[in-house]
């Protein structure tokens, strides 16, 4: 019998921050979205959502910062339509200038 190892893919994008959404605070949580333009031959505009401690990372960013965003993707169905959310779990600012 052959065994298989479960692998998890790490999703990430690099780009320039072009917009910040308003921060929204609940009783026990804080969330904010932000948008980047990717650094590809055919740039894409992608919006991410941050929660709680990741929002702290986002608060150190400013417009036009070059960032590397690690995220999880999840979808849900509501009223017969699908909605997808990209939740950032780590934001690295000016990653090209940092040593690994």
PDB file of N, CA and C in Angstrom:
ATOM      1  N   UNK A   1       0.835  -1.177   0.000  1.00  0.00           N
ATOM      2  CA  UNK A   1       0.000   0.000   0.000  1.00  0.00           C
ATOM      3  C   UNK A   1       0.885   1.247   0.000  1.00  0.00           C
ATOM      4  N   UNK A   2       0.533   2.184  -0.819  1.00  0.00           N
ATOM      5  CA  UNK A   2       1.303   3.418  -0.958  1.00  0.00           C
ATOM      6  C   UNK A   2       0.775   4.469   0.015  1.00  0.00           C
ATOM      7  N   UNK A   3       1.674   5.147   0.701  1.00  0.00           N
ATOM      8  CA  UNK A   3       1.250   6.220   1.615  1.00  0.00           C
ATOM      9  C   UNK A   3       1.458   7.560   0.930  1.00  0.00           C
ATOM     10  N   UNK A   4       0.567   8.457   1.206  1.00  0.00           N
ATOM     11  CA  UNK A   4       0.697   9.799   0.637  1.00  0.00           C
ATOM     12  C   UNK A   4       0.854  10.801   1.762  1.00  0.00           C
ATOM     13  N   UNK A   5       1.633  11.794   1.507  1.00  0.00           N
ATOM     14  CA  UNK A   5       1.870  12.839   2.488  1.00  0.00           C
ATOM     15  C   UNK A   5       1.040  14.055   2.100  1.00  0.00           C
ATOM     16  N   UNK A   6       0.305  14.559   3.068  1.00  0.00           N
ATOM     17  CA  UNK A   6      -0.537  15.728   2.811  1.00  0.00           C
ATOM     18  C   UNK A   6       0.360  16.966   2.743  1.00  0.00           C
ATOM     19  N   UNK A   7       0.223  17.724   1.664  1.00  0.00           N
ATOM     20  CA  UNK A   7       1.023  18.932   1.513  1.00  0.00           C
ATOM     21  C   UNK A   7       0.111  20.139   1.488  1.00  0.00           C
ATOM     22  N   UNK A   8       0.605  21.220   2.054  1.00  0.00           N
ATOM     23  CA  UNK A   8      -0.144  22.462   2.053  1.00  0.00           C
ATOM     24  C   UNK A   8       0.649  23.487   1.269  1.00  0.00           C
ATOM     25  N   UNK A   9       0.001  24.108   0.321  1.00  0.00           N
ATOM     26  CA  UNK A   9       0.654  25.092  -0.509  1.00  0.00           C
ATOM     27  C   UNK A   9       0.576  26.456   0.180  1.00  0.00           C
ATOM     28  N   UNK A  10       1.694  27.170   0.181  1.00  0.00           N
ATOM     29  CA  UNK A  10       1.716  28.517   0.719  1.00  0.00           C
ATOM     30  C   UNK A  10       1.394  29.485  -0.406  1.00  0.00           C
ATOM     31  N   UNK A  11       0.358  30.266  -0.213  1.00  0.00           N
ATOM     32  CA  UNK A  11      -0.062  31.238  -1.216  1.00  0.00           C
ATOM     33  C   UNK A  11       0.539  32.597  -0.881  1.00  0.00           C
ATOM     34  N   UNK A  12       1.068  33.278  -1.901  1.00  0.00           N
ATOM     35  CA  UNK A  12       1.629  34.607  -1.670  1.00  0.00           C
ATOM     36  C   UNK A  12       1.613  35.406  -2.966  1.00  0.00           C
ATOM     37  N   UNK A  13       1.613  36.711  -2.805  1.00  0.00           N
ATOM     38  CA  UNK A  13       1.725  37.643  -3.925  1.00  0.00           C
ATOM     39  C   UNK A  13       2.646  38.767  -3.504  1.00  0.00           C
ATOM     40  N   UNK A  14       3.351  39.313  -4.479  1.00  0.00           N
ATOM     41  CA  UNK A  14       4.133  40.523  -4.243  1.00  0.00           C
ATOM     42  C   UNK A  14       3.502  41.655  -5.036  1.00  0.00           C
ATOM     43  N   UNK A  15       3.626  42.856  -4.499  1.00  0.00           N
ATOM     44  CA  UNK A  15       3.065  44.001  -5.203  1.00  0.00           C
ATOM     45  C   UNK A  15       3.241  45.279  -4.420  1.00  0.00           C
ATOM     46  N   UNK A  16       2.633  46.314  -4.954  1.00  0.00           N
ATOM     47  CA  UNK A  16       2.699  47.649  -4.376  1.00  0.00           C
ATOM     48  C   UNK A  16       1.330  47.995  -3.796  1.00  0.00           C
ATOM     49  N   UNK A  17       1.325  48.495  -2.565  1.00  0.00           N
ATOM     50  CA  UNK A  17       0.054  48.873  -1.939  1.00  0.00           C
ATOM     51  C   UNK A  17      -0.496  50.107  -2.645  1.00  0.00           C
ATOM     52  N   UNK A  18      -1.756  49.995  -3.096  1.00  0.00           N
ATOM     53  CA  UNK A  18      -2.374  51.121  -3.795  1.00  0.00           C
ATOM     54  C   UNK A  18      -3.582  51.688  -3.048  1.00  0.00           C
ATOM     55  N   UNK A  19      -4.064  50.970  -2.026  1.00  0.00           N
ATOM     56  CA  UNK A  19      -5.248  51.459  -1.313  1.00  0.00           C
ATOM     57  C   UNK A  19      -5.410  50.753   0.025  1.00  0.00           C
ATOM     58  N   UNK A  20      -5.892  51.501   1.011  1.00  0.00           N
ATOM     59  CA  UNK A  20      -6.267  50.950   2.312  1.00  0.00           C
ATOM     60  C   UNK A  20      -7.757  51.150   2.515  1.00  0.00           C
ATOM     61  N   UNK A  21      -8.431  50.148   3.039  1.00  0.00           N
ATOM     62  CA  UNK A  21      -9.833  50.293   3.408  1.00  0.00           C
ATOM     63  C   UNK A  21      -9.915  50.825   4.829  1.00  0.00           C
ATOM     64  N   UNK A  22     -11.112  51.140   5.267  1.00  0.00           N
ATOM     65  CA  UNK A  22     -11.319  51.606   6.635  1.00  0.00           C
ATOM     66  C   UNK A  22     -11.201  50.439   7.603  1.00  0.00           C
ATOM     67  N   UNK A  23     -10.606  50.703   8.760  1.00  0.00           N
ATOM     68  CA  UNK A  23     -10.533  49.688   9.810  1.00  0.00           C
ATOM     69  C   UNK A  23     -11.905  49.591  10.479  1.00  0.00           C
ATOM     70  N   UNK A  24     -12.324  48.367  10.762  1.00  0.00           N
ATOM     71  CA  UNK A  24     -13.598  48.122  11.429  1.00  0.00           C
ATOM     72  C   UNK A  24     -13.304  47.349  12.702  1.00  0.00           C
ATOM     73  N   UNK A  25     -13.839  47.842  13.829  1.00  0.00           N
ATOM     74  CA  UNK A  25     -13.548  47.199  15.105  1.00  0.00           C
ATOM     75  C   UNK A  25     -14.819  46.691  15.750  1.00  0.00           C
ATOM     76  N   UNK A  26     -14.756  45.459  16.226  1.00  0.00           N
ATOM     77  CA  UNK A  26     -15.837  44.860  16.994  1.00  0.00           C
ATOM     78  C   UNK A  26     -15.423  44.808  18.444  1.00  0.00           C
ATOM     79  N   UNK A  27     -16.189  44.102  19.238  1.00  0.00           N
ATOM     80  CA  UNK A  27     -15.887  44.008  20.660  1.00  0.00           C
ATOM     81  C   UNK A  27     -14.567  43.292  20.919  1.00  0.00           C
ATOM     82  N   UNK A  28     -14.289  42.248  20.138  1.00  0.00           N
ATOM     83  CA  UNK A  28     -13.075  41.451  20.366  1.00  0.00           C
ATOM     84  C   UNK A  28     -12.204  41.314  19.125  1.00  0.00           C
ATOM     85  N   UNK A  29     -12.483  42.062  18.075  1.00  0.00           N
ATOM     86  CA  UNK A  29     -11.733  41.896  16.834  1.00  0.00           C
ATOM     87  C   UNK A  29     -11.550  43.233  16.130  1.00  0.00           C
ATOM     88  N   UNK A  30     -10.575  43.242  15.209  1.00  0.00           N
ATOM     89  CA  UNK A  30     -10.275  44.404  14.376  1.00  0.00           C
ATOM     90  C   UNK A  30      -9.942  43.877  12.988  1.00  0.00           C
ATOM     91  N   UNK A  31     -10.541  44.471  11.964  1.00  0.00           N
ATOM     92  CA  UNK A  31     -10.232  44.027  10.603  1.00  0.00           C
ATOM     93  C   UNK A  31     -10.077  45.240   9.692  1.00  0.00           C
ATOM     94  N   UNK A  32      -9.311  45.049   8.628  1.00  0.00           N
ATOM     95  CA  UNK A  32      -9.092  46.096   7.631  1.00  0.00           C
ATOM     96  C   UNK A  32      -8.676  45.425   6.334  1.00  0.00           C
ATOM     97  N   UNK A  33      -9.073  46.010   5.216  1.00  0.00           N
ATOM     98  CA  UNK A  33      -8.638  45.467   3.936  1.00  0.00           C
ATOM     99  C   UNK A  33      -7.628  46.415   3.295  1.00  0.00           C
ATOM    100  N   UNK A  34      -6.880  45.868   2.353  1.00  0.00           N
ATOM    101  CA  UNK A  34      -5.925  46.662   1.587  1.00  0.00           C
ATOM    102  C   UNK A  34      -5.786  46.037   0.215  1.00  0.00           C
ATOM    103  N   UNK A  35      -5.316  46.840  -0.735  1.00  0.00           N
ATOM    104  CA  UNK A  35      -5.242  46.399  -2.123  1.00  0.00           C
ATOM    105  C   UNK A  35      -3.835  46.613  -2.657  1.00  0.00           C
ATOM    106  N   UNK A  36      -3.351  45.626  -3.411  1.00  0.00           N
ATOM    107  CA  UNK A  36      -2.035  45.752  -4.044  1.00  0.00           C
ATOM    108  C   UNK A  36      -2.183  45.637  -5.557  1.00  0.00           C
ATOM    109  N   UNK A  37      -1.190  46.157  -6.258  1.00  0.00           N
ATOM    110  CA  UNK A  37      -1.043  45.929  -7.707  1.00  0.00           C
ATOM    111  C   UNK A  37       0.198  45.054  -7.840  1.00  0.00           C
ATOM    112  N   UNK A  38       0.040  43.892  -8.479  1.00  0.00           N
ATOM    113  CA  UNK A  38       1.149  42.950  -8.582  1.00  0.00           C
ATOM    114  C   UNK A  38       2.226  43.458  -9.533  1.00  0.00           C
ATOM    115  N   UNK A  39       3.426  42.934  -9.359  1.00  0.00           N
ATOM    116  CA  UNK A  39       4.581  43.313 -10.174  1.00  0.00           C
ATOM    117  C   UNK A  39       4.826  42.246 -11.231  1.00  0.00           C
ATOM    118  N   UNK A  40       3.889  42.115 -12.148  1.00  0.00           N
ATOM    119  CA  UNK A  40       3.986  41.111 -13.211  1.00  0.00           C
ATOM    120  C   UNK A  40       3.947  41.812 -14.561  1.00  0.00           C
ATOM    121  N   UNK A  41       4.210  41.057 -15.606  1.00  0.00           N
ATOM    122  CA  UNK A  41       4.104  41.621 -16.951  1.00  0.00           C
ATOM    123  C   UNK A  41       2.697  42.155 -17.212  1.00  0.00           C
ATOM    124  N   UNK A  42       1.699  41.455 -16.688  1.00  0.00           N
ATOM    125  CA  UNK A  42       0.304  41.891 -16.775  1.00  0.00           C
ATOM    126  C   UNK A  42      -0.211  42.053 -15.349  1.00  0.00           C
ATOM    127  N   UNK A  43       0.009  43.236 -14.744  1.00  0.00           N
ATOM    128  CA  UNK A  43      -0.329  43.442 -13.329  1.00  0.00           C
ATOM    129  C   UNK A  43      -1.802  43.179 -13.028  1.00  0.00           C
ATOM    130  N   UNK A  44      -2.020  42.645 -11.846  1.00  0.00           N
ATOM    131  CA  UNK A  44      -3.365  42.405 -11.344  1.00  0.00           C
ATOM    132  C   UNK A  44      -3.577  43.259 -10.104  1.00  0.00           C
ATOM    133  N   UNK A  45      -4.818  43.589  -9.827  1.00  0.00           N
ATOM    134  CA  UNK A  45      -5.174  44.305  -8.613  1.00  0.00           C
ATOM    135  C   UNK A  45      -5.863  43.296  -7.711  1.00  0.00           C
ATOM    136  N   UNK A  46      -5.346  43.132  -6.474  1.00  0.00           N
ATOM    137  CA  UNK A  46      -5.845  42.112  -5.559  1.00  0.00           C
ATOM    138  C   UNK A  46      -6.113  42.742  -4.201  1.00  0.00           C
ATOM    139  N   UNK A  47      -7.275  42.424  -3.637  1.00  0.00           N
ATOM    140  CA  UNK A  47      -7.670  42.943  -2.326  1.00  0.00           C
ATOM    141  C   UNK A  47      -7.547  41.843  -1.283  1.00  0.00           C
ATOM    142  N   UNK A  48      -6.964  42.192  -0.135  1.00  0.00           N
ATOM    143  CA  UNK A  48      -6.772  41.256   0.978  1.00  0.00           C
ATOM    144  C   UNK A  48      -7.462  41.799   2.220  1.00  0.00           C
ATOM    145  N   UNK A  49      -7.771  40.911   3.145  1.00  0.00           N
ATOM    146  CA  UNK A  49      -8.382  41.266   4.412  1.00  0.00           C
ATOM    147  C   UNK A  49      -7.426  40.882   5.531  1.00  0.00           C
ATOM    148  N   UNK A  50      -7.317  41.740   6.541  1.00  0.00           N
ATOM    149  CA  UNK A  50      -6.492  41.428   7.713  1.00  0.00           C
ATOM    150  C   UNK A  50      -7.373  41.405   8.955  1.00  0.00           C
ATOM    151  N   UNK A  51      -6.985  40.589   9.922  1.00  0.00           N
ATOM    152  CA  UNK A  51      -7.673  40.512  11.202  1.00  0.00           C
ATOM    153  C   UNK A  51      -6.666  40.645  12.333  1.00  0.00           C
ATOM    154  N   UNK A  52      -7.059  41.283  13.410  1.00  0.00           N
ATOM    155  CA  UNK A  52      -6.362  41.362  14.687  1.00  0.00           C
ATOM    156  C   UNK A  52      -4.862  41.603  14.550  1.00  0.00           C
ATOM    157  N   UNK A  53      -4.013  40.633  14.930  1.00  0.00           N
ATOM    158  CA  UNK A  53      -2.564  40.874  14.968  1.00  0.00           C
ATOM    159  C   UNK A  53      -1.963  41.151  13.596  1.00  0.00           C
ATOM    160  N   UNK A  54      -2.562  40.644  12.524  1.00  0.00           N
ATOM    161  CA  UNK A  54      -2.052  40.937  11.182  1.00  0.00           C
ATOM    162  C   UNK A  54      -2.359  42.385  10.820  1.00  0.00           C
ATOM    163  N   UNK A  55      -3.426  42.926  11.373  1.00  0.00           N
ATOM    164  CA  UNK A  55      -3.758  44.321  11.144  1.00  0.00           C
ATOM    165  C   UNK A  55      -2.654  45.199  11.720  1.00  0.00           C
ATOM    166  N   UNK A  56      -1.994  44.751  12.791  1.00  0.00           N
ATOM    167  CA  UNK A  56      -0.844  45.477  13.338  1.00  0.00           C
ATOM    168  C   UNK A  56       0.274  45.568  12.304  1.00  0.00           C
ATOM    169  N   UNK A  57       0.505  44.491  11.563  1.00  0.00           N
ATOM    170  CA  UNK A  57       1.517  44.510  10.501  1.00  0.00           C
ATOM    171  C   UNK A  57       1.127  45.509   9.422  1.00  0.00           C
ATOM    172  N   UNK A  58      -0.157  45.529   9.077  1.00  0.00           N
ATOM    173  CA  UNK A  58      -0.640  46.439   8.045  1.00  0.00           C
ATOM    174  C   UNK A  58      -0.501  47.899   8.474  1.00  0.00           C
ATOM    175  N   UNK A  59      -0.648  48.170   9.761  1.00  0.00           N
ATOM    176  CA  UNK A  59      -0.562  49.556  10.242  1.00  0.00           C
ATOM    177  C   UNK A  59       0.836  50.142  10.046  1.00  0.00           C
ATOM    178  N   UNK A  60       1.849  49.314   9.845  1.00  0.00           N
ATOM    179  CA  UNK A  60       3.214  49.797   9.591  1.00  0.00           C
ATOM    180  C   UNK A  60       3.453  50.086   8.108  1.00  0.00           C
ATOM    181  N   UNK A  61       2.497  49.748   7.266  1.00  0.00           N
ATOM    182  CA  UNK A  61       2.625  49.954   5.821  1.00  0.00           C
ATOM    183  C   UNK A  61       2.078  51.320   5.424  1.00  0.00           C
ATOM    184  N   UNK A  62       2.560  51.795   4.269  1.00  0.00           N
ATOM    185  CA  UNK A  62       2.028  53.036   3.708  1.00  0.00           C
ATOM    186  C   UNK A  62       1.816  52.838   2.209  1.00  0.00           C
ATOM    187  N   UNK A  63       1.086  53.758   1.609  1.00  0.00           N
ATOM    188  CA  UNK A  63       0.854  53.676   0.165  1.00  0.00           C
ATOM    189  C   UNK A  63       2.176  53.606  -0.582  1.00  0.00           C
ATOM    190  N   UNK A  64       2.205  52.840  -1.637  1.00  0.00           N
ATOM    191  CA  UNK A  64       3.367  52.643  -2.507  1.00  0.00           C
ATOM    192  C   UNK A  64       4.446  51.743  -1.902  1.00  0.00           C
ATOM    193  N   UNK A  65       4.226  51.193  -0.688  1.00  0.00           N
ATOM    194  CA  UNK A  65       5.173  50.214  -0.142  1.00  0.00           C
ATOM    195  C   UNK A  65       5.136  48.954  -0.986  1.00  0.00           C
ATOM    196  N   UNK A  66       6.298  48.394  -1.223  1.00  0.00           N
ATOM    197  CA  UNK A  66       6.428  47.099  -1.888  1.00  0.00           C
ATOM    198  C   UNK A  66       6.285  46.037  -0.802  1.00  0.00           C
ATOM    199  N   UNK A  67       5.349  45.099  -0.978  1.00  0.00           N
ATOM    200  CA  UNK A  67       5.082  44.108   0.057  1.00  0.00           C
ATOM    201  C   UNK A  67       5.018  42.699  -0.525  1.00  0.00           C
ATOM    202  N   UNK A  68       5.276  41.752   0.350  1.00  0.00           N
ATOM    203  CA  UNK A  68       5.063  40.339   0.080  1.00  0.00           C
ATOM    204  C   UNK A  68       3.949  39.922   1.028  1.00  0.00           C
ATOM    205  N   UNK A  69       2.842  39.431   0.480  1.00  0.00           N
ATOM    206  CA  UNK A  69       1.667  39.081   1.277  1.00  0.00           C
ATOM    207  C   UNK A  69       1.453  37.572   1.225  1.00  0.00           C
ATOM    208  N   UNK A  70       1.460  36.942   2.400  1.00  0.00           N
ATOM    209  CA  UNK A  70       1.103  35.534   2.527  1.00  0.00           C
ATOM    210  C   UNK A  70      -0.365  35.492   2.934  1.00  0.00           C
ATOM    211  N   UNK A  71      -1.135  34.593   2.333  1.00  0.00           N
ATOM    212  CA  UNK A  71      -2.569  34.601   2.600  1.00  0.00           C
ATOM    213  C   UNK A  71      -3.191  33.215   2.473  1.00  0.00           C
ATOM    214  N   UNK A  72      -4.386  33.105   3.022  1.00  0.00           N
ATOM    215  CA  UNK A  72      -5.234  31.930   2.862  1.00  0.00           C
ATOM    216  C   UNK A  72      -6.450  32.350   2.048  1.00  0.00           C
ATOM    217  N   UNK A  73      -6.950  31.457   1.222  1.00  0.00           N
ATOM    218  CA  UNK A  73      -8.148  31.721   0.425  1.00  0.00           C
ATOM    219  C   UNK A  73      -9.274  30.819   0.913  1.00  0.00           C
ATOM    220  N   UNK A  74     -10.457  31.417   1.056  1.00  0.00           N
ATOM    221  CA  UNK A  74     -11.622  30.605   1.406  1.00  0.00           C
ATOM    222  C   UNK A  74     -12.841  31.165   0.698  1.00  0.00           C
ATOM    223  N   UNK A  75     -13.789  30.280   0.407  1.00  0.00           N
ATOM    224  CA  UNK A  75     -14.995  30.670  -0.301  1.00  0.00           C
ATOM    225  C   UNK A  75     -16.210  30.198   0.466  1.00  0.00           C
ATOM    226  N   UNK A  76     -17.318  30.902   0.260  1.00  0.00           N
ATOM    227  CA  UNK A  76     -18.580  30.501   0.839  1.00  0.00           C
ATOM    228  C   UNK A  76     -19.705  30.861  -0.135  1.00  0.00           C
ATOM    229  N   UNK A  77     -20.778  30.136  -0.024  1.00  0.00           N
ATOM    230  CA  UNK A  77     -21.920  30.360  -0.907  1.00  0.00           C
ATOM    231  C   UNK A  77     -23.015  31.065  -0.115  1.00  0.00           C
ATOM    232  N   UNK A  78     -23.571  32.135  -0.702  1.00  0.00           N
ATOM    233  CA  UNK A  78     -24.643  32.886  -0.073  1.00  0.00           C
ATOM    234  C   UNK A  78     -25.628  33.303  -1.153  1.00  0.00           C
ATOM    235  N   UNK A  79     -26.883  32.987  -0.963  1.00  0.00           N
ATOM    236  CA  UNK A  79     -27.920  33.302  -1.955  1.00  0.00           C
ATOM    237  C   UNK A  79     -27.542  32.830  -3.364  1.00  0.00           C
ATOM    238  N   UNK A  80     -27.043  31.605  -3.425  1.00  0.00           N
ATOM    239  CA  UNK A  80     -26.695  30.978  -4.702  1.00  0.00           C
ATOM    240  C   UNK A  80     -25.528  31.641  -5.432  1.00  0.00           C
ATOM    241  N   UNK A  81     -24.751  32.470  -4.735  1.00  0.00           N
ATOM    242  CA  UNK A  81     -23.552  33.083  -5.322  1.00  0.00           C
ATOM    243  C   UNK A  81     -22.359  32.751  -4.443  1.00  0.00           C
ATOM    244  N   UNK A  82     -21.223  32.584  -5.094  1.00  0.00           N
ATOM    245  CA  UNK A  82     -19.988  32.289  -4.375  1.00  0.00           C
ATOM    246  C   UNK A  82     -19.210  33.571  -4.107  1.00  0.00           C
ATOM    247  N   UNK A  83     -18.650  33.669  -2.896  1.00  0.00           N
ATOM    248  CA  UNK A  83     -17.824  34.794  -2.481  1.00  0.00           C
ATOM    249  C   UNK A  83     -16.500  34.245  -1.974  1.00  0.00           C
ATOM    250  N   UNK A  84     -15.412  34.835  -2.431  1.00  0.00           N
ATOM    251  CA  UNK A  84     -14.073  34.391  -2.028  1.00  0.00           C
ATOM    252  C   UNK A  84     -13.381  35.502  -1.268  1.00  0.00           C
ATOM    253  N   UNK A  85     -12.699  35.113  -0.197  1.00  0.00           N
ATOM    254  CA  UNK A  85     -11.992  36.052   0.663  1.00  0.00           C
ATOM    255  C   UNK A  85     -10.526  35.645   0.742  1.00  0.00           C
ATOM    256  N   UNK A  86      -9.635  36.607   0.586  1.00  0.00           N
ATOM    257  CA  UNK A  86      -8.200  36.364   0.735  1.00  0.00           C
ATOM    258  C   UNK A  86      -7.764  36.995   2.045  1.00  0.00           C
ATOM    259  N   UNK A  87      -7.458  36.158   3.028  1.00  0.00           N
ATOM    260  CA  UNK A  87      -7.088  36.624   4.363  1.00  0.00           C
ATOM    261  C   UNK A  87      -5.575  36.608   4.520  1.00  0.00           C
ATOM    262  N   UNK A  88      -4.980  37.786   4.639  1.00  0.00           N
ATOM    263  CA  UNK A  88      -3.532  37.887   4.822  1.00  0.00           C
ATOM    264  C   UNK A  88      -3.168  37.410   6.226  1.00  0.00           C
ATOM    265  N   UNK A  89      -2.119  36.586   6.323  1.00  0.00           N
ATOM    266  CA  UNK A  89      -1.660  36.146   7.634  1.00  0.00           C
ATOM    267  C   UNK A  89      -0.237  36.628   7.930  1.00  0.00           C
ATOM    268  N   UNK A  90       0.413  37.213   6.912  1.00  0.00           N
ATOM    269  CA  UNK A  90       1.730  37.804   7.127  1.00  0.00           C
ATOM    270  C   UNK A  90       1.987  38.808   6.014  1.00  0.00           C
ATOM    271  N   UNK A  91       2.516  39.983   6.397  1.00  0.00           N
ATOM    272  CA  UNK A  91       2.856  41.028   5.435  1.00  0.00           C
ATOM    273  C   UNK A  91       4.307  41.423   5.671  1.00  0.00           C
ATOM    274  N   UNK A  92       5.133  41.288   4.643  1.00  0.00           N
ATOM    275  CA  UNK A  92       6.545  41.660   4.739  1.00  0.00           C
ATOM    276  C   UNK A  92       6.743  42.913   3.890  1.00  0.00           C
ATOM    277  N   UNK A  93       7.190  43.998   4.531  1.00  0.00           N
ATOM    278  CA  UNK A  93       7.388  45.272   3.838  1.00  0.00           C
ATOM    279  C   UNK A  93       8.789  45.328   3.244  1.00  0.00           C
ATOM    280  N   UNK A  94       8.914  45.876   2.052  1.00  0.00           N
ATOM    281  CA  UNK A  94      10.212  46.044   1.393  1.00  0.00           C
ATOM    282  C   UNK A  94      11.032  44.766   1.463  1.00  0.00           C
ATOM    283  N   UNK A  95      10.413  43.648   1.132  1.00  0.00           N
ATOM    284  CA  UNK A  95      11.031  42.337   1.284  1.00  0.00           C
ATOM    285  C   UNK A  95      12.305  42.181   0.457  1.00  0.00           C
ATOM    286  N   UNK A  96      12.450  42.925  -0.624  1.00  0.00           N
ATOM    287  CA  UNK A  96      13.633  42.800  -1.472  1.00  0.00           C
ATOM    288  C   UNK A  96      14.882  43.304  -0.765  1.00  0.00           C
ATOM    289  N   UNK A  97      14.701  44.220   0.182  1.00  0.00           N
ATOM    290  CA  UNK A  97      15.850  44.808   0.878  1.00  0.00           C
ATOM    291  C   UNK A  97      16.177  44.092   2.183  1.00  0.00           C
ATOM    292  N   UNK A  98      15.443  43.040   2.530  1.00  0.00           N
ATOM    293  CA  UNK A  98      15.676  42.331   3.777  1.00  0.00           C
ATOM    294  C   UNK A  98      16.418  41.042   3.507  1.00  0.00           C
ATOM    295  N   UNK A  99      17.299  40.688   4.437  1.00  0.00           N
ATOM    296  CA  UNK A  99      18.018  39.429   4.321  1.00  0.00           C
ATOM    297  C   UNK A  99      17.166  38.316   4.912  1.00  0.00           C
ATOM    298  N   UNK A 100      17.220  37.154   4.281  1.00  0.00           N
ATOM    299  CA  UNK A 100      16.409  36.014   4.735  1.00  0.00           C
ATOM    300  C   UNK A 100      16.939  35.423   6.019  1.00  0.00           C
TER     301      UNK A 100
END
